[in-house]
Structure formats: structure tokens, C-alpha cells
Amino acid sequence: MSQADLTERLEDELFSLRERVGTQPFPREALEYLNDWADNDKRWLRKFYQTGSDEPYYDLTPATEKAIGWLGTLTERSFVGTESRLLTLFELLKQISEGSNADQDTRIRPGSISSRR
């Protein structure tokens, strides 16, 4: 994406963020952020010049693309648990806890899970 287009989009996003959370968390201008993100110590963006153009362009580095892809997979996995599944889980955890007690008298005490088997 060209520097002009990307700067304009980032300025719009920064404006929206600043209205919600104030200017302190995002004090710099969009172009400063872009140059920082393309700097050698971060390398989140690649800054380059297309043939015959004096305007810089930016694209994501492969590592950044991979990280964004991985973040996207986190939202794809959803756990839909029912109350009965959760109750089963808690019961199993209780059994594990009681069954791992080293004191034999506690494990075989009447009413304990181990003595019901």
C-alpha cells in the first residue's frame, strides 16, 4: 500500500482511538508509527519503492503475516459447553482431587468417592 493511503487510513484509526481513550496512549503522527514499524529493530512492515515511483510503499513482513494469521485462529475456536458438561468436569476434578489424597483413611472414609467404587 502506498505511504499516502496507509498514512491516511492510520490517521483515521488514530483519530477514532483518541476520541475513545484520549491522546496519551497514541501521541505520535501516523507516519511516525509507520516508520517505526518498518525500522530494522521491529520489521513489522517492509518499506520499499516501486519501480518508477518516488513514493514509499509498505507491506507486511512474512513474520507479521504469520502472527496475524495465528491470532485469527484464536477466534475460530469456540467452546460451547453446556451446564451438564461443566458439572461433569467439576465432578471429575473432584474425583481426581479426592483420589490423589495420600492418606488411605481419608480415601476410604464412608461417603468418599473412592469408597463408592
Protein backbone atom coordinates (compact mmCIF):
# COMPACT_ATOMS: atom_id res chain seq x y z
CA MET A 1 0.00 0.00 0.00
CA SER A 2 1.29 3.46 -0.78
CA GLN A 3 2.53 5.59 2.07
CA ALA A 4 -0.13 8.24 1.40
CA ASP A 5 -3.00 5.72 1.50
CA LEU A 6 -1.69 3.89 4.54
CA THR A 7 -0.96 7.11 6.42
CA GLU A 8 -4.49 8.36 5.74
CA ARG A 9 -6.07 5.13 6.96
CA LEU A 10 -3.89 5.02 10.05
CA GLU A 11 -4.67 8.68 10.85
CA ASP A 12 -8.39 7.84 10.68
CA GLU A 13 -7.89 4.92 13.06
CA LEU A 14 -5.78 7.01 15.42
CA PHE A 15 -8.43 9.74 15.42
CA SER A 16 -11.07 7.20 16.40
CA LEU A 17 -8.88 5.72 19.14
CA ARG A 18 -8.01 9.13 20.53
CA GLU A 19 -11.67 10.07 20.78
CA ARG A 20 -12.31 6.95 22.85
CA VAL A 21 -9.19 6.74 25.05
CA GLY A 22 -7.51 10.13 24.80
CA THR A 23 -4.30 11.24 23.15
CA GLN A 24 -1.83 9.97 25.73
CA PRO A 25 -1.69 6.30 24.57
CA PHE A 26 -1.16 7.34 20.91
CA PRO A 27 0.79 10.62 20.90
CA ARG A 28 2.59 10.32 17.54
CA GLU A 29 1.51 11.00 13.98
CA ALA A 30 0.65 8.11 11.67
CA LEU A 31 3.80 8.48 9.55
CA GLU A 32 5.98 8.25 12.66
CA TYR A 33 4.32 4.94 13.58
CA LEU A 34 4.78 3.58 10.06
CA ASN A 35 8.47 4.47 10.00
CA ASP A 36 8.91 2.95 13.46
CA TRP A 37 7.16 -0.29 12.46
CA ALA A 38 9.34 -0.54 9.34
CA ASP A 39 12.57 0.19 11.23
CA ASN A 40 15.20 -2.56 11.46
CA ASP A 41 14.61 -3.16 15.18
CA LYS A 42 10.93 -4.07 14.61
CA ARG A 43 10.49 -5.09 10.97
CA TRP A 44 6.72 -5.47 11.19
CA LEU A 45 6.40 -3.66 7.87
CA ARG A 46 8.62 -3.59 4.82
CA LYS A 47 9.16 -0.16 3.30
CA PHE A 48 10.16 -0.15 -0.36
CA TYR A 49 9.96 1.89 -3.55
CA GLN A 50 8.23 0.57 -6.64
CA THR A 51 9.99 0.96 -9.97
CA GLY A 52 9.49 4.43 -11.34
CA SER A 53 7.94 5.81 -8.16
CA ASP A 54 9.32 8.24 -5.61
CA GLU A 55 6.63 7.36 -3.08
CA PRO A 56 7.37 4.71 -0.46
CA TYR A 57 5.14 1.64 -0.24
CA TYR A 58 4.59 -0.67 2.68
CA ASP A 59 3.67 -4.30 3.01
CA LEU A 60 3.60 -6.79 5.86
CA THR A 61 6.66 -8.89 6.51
CA PRO A 62 6.18 -12.70 6.39
CA ALA A 63 6.61 -12.91 10.19
CA THR A 64 3.89 -10.30 10.71
CA GLU A 65 1.55 -12.11 8.31
CA LYS A 66 2.15 -15.34 10.19
CA ALA A 67 1.46 -13.69 13.56
CA ILE A 68 -1.76 -12.11 12.31
CA GLY A 69 -2.84 -15.45 10.83
CA TRP A 70 -2.21 -17.17 14.15
CA LEU A 71 -4.22 -14.51 16.01
CA GLY A 72 -7.08 -15.14 13.59
CA THR A 73 -7.17 -18.82 14.51
CA LEU A 74 -7.73 -17.94 18.16
CA THR A 75 -11.16 -16.54 17.37
CA GLU A 76 -12.13 -19.51 15.20
CA ARG A 77 -12.04 -21.99 18.05
CA SER A 78 -15.03 -21.62 20.24
CA PHE A 79 -16.02 -23.78 23.16
CA VAL A 80 -19.70 -24.24 23.64
CA GLY A 81 -20.22 -26.03 26.90
CA THR A 82 -23.50 -26.99 28.42
CA GLU A 83 -24.23 -26.94 32.12
CA SER A 84 -24.16 -30.74 32.27
CA ARG A 85 -20.71 -30.86 30.66
CA LEU A 86 -19.41 -28.33 33.15
CA LEU A 87 -20.91 -30.28 36.05
CA THR A 88 -19.27 -33.45 34.70
CA LEU A 89 -15.95 -31.63 34.51
CA PHE A 90 -16.23 -30.41 38.10
CA GLU A 91 -17.19 -33.90 39.29
CA LEU A 92 -14.18 -35.42 37.53
CA LEU A 93 -11.88 -32.81 39.05
CA LYS A 94 -13.33 -33.58 42.48
CA GLN A 95 -12.70 -37.30 41.94
CA ILE A 96 -9.13 -36.65 40.88
CA SER A 97 -8.57 -34.45 43.92
CA GLU A 98 -10.02 -36.98 46.36
CA GLY A 99 -8.36 -39.92 44.65
CA SER A 100 -4.94 -38.32 44.88
CA ASN A 101 -5.04 -37.98 48.67
CA ALA A 102 -2.08 -39.86 50.14
CA ASP A 103 -3.93 -40.64 53.39
CA GLN A 104 -5.57 -44.05 52.98
CA ASP A 105 -8.11 -43.43 55.77
CA THR A 106 -9.34 -40.29 54.00
CA ARG A 107 -9.71 -42.13 50.68
CA ILE A 108 -11.79 -45.00 52.15
CA ARG A 109 -13.86 -42.90 54.55
CA PRO A 110 -17.62 -43.57 54.13
CA GLY A 111 -19.17 -41.16 51.66
CA SER A 112 -15.95 -40.51 49.80
CA ILE A 113 -15.79 -41.18 46.08
CA SER A 114 -13.18 -43.93 46.45
CA SER A 115 -15.35 -45.99 48.82
CA ARG A 116 -18.30 -45.92 46.38
CA ARG A 117 -16.43 -47.81 43.68
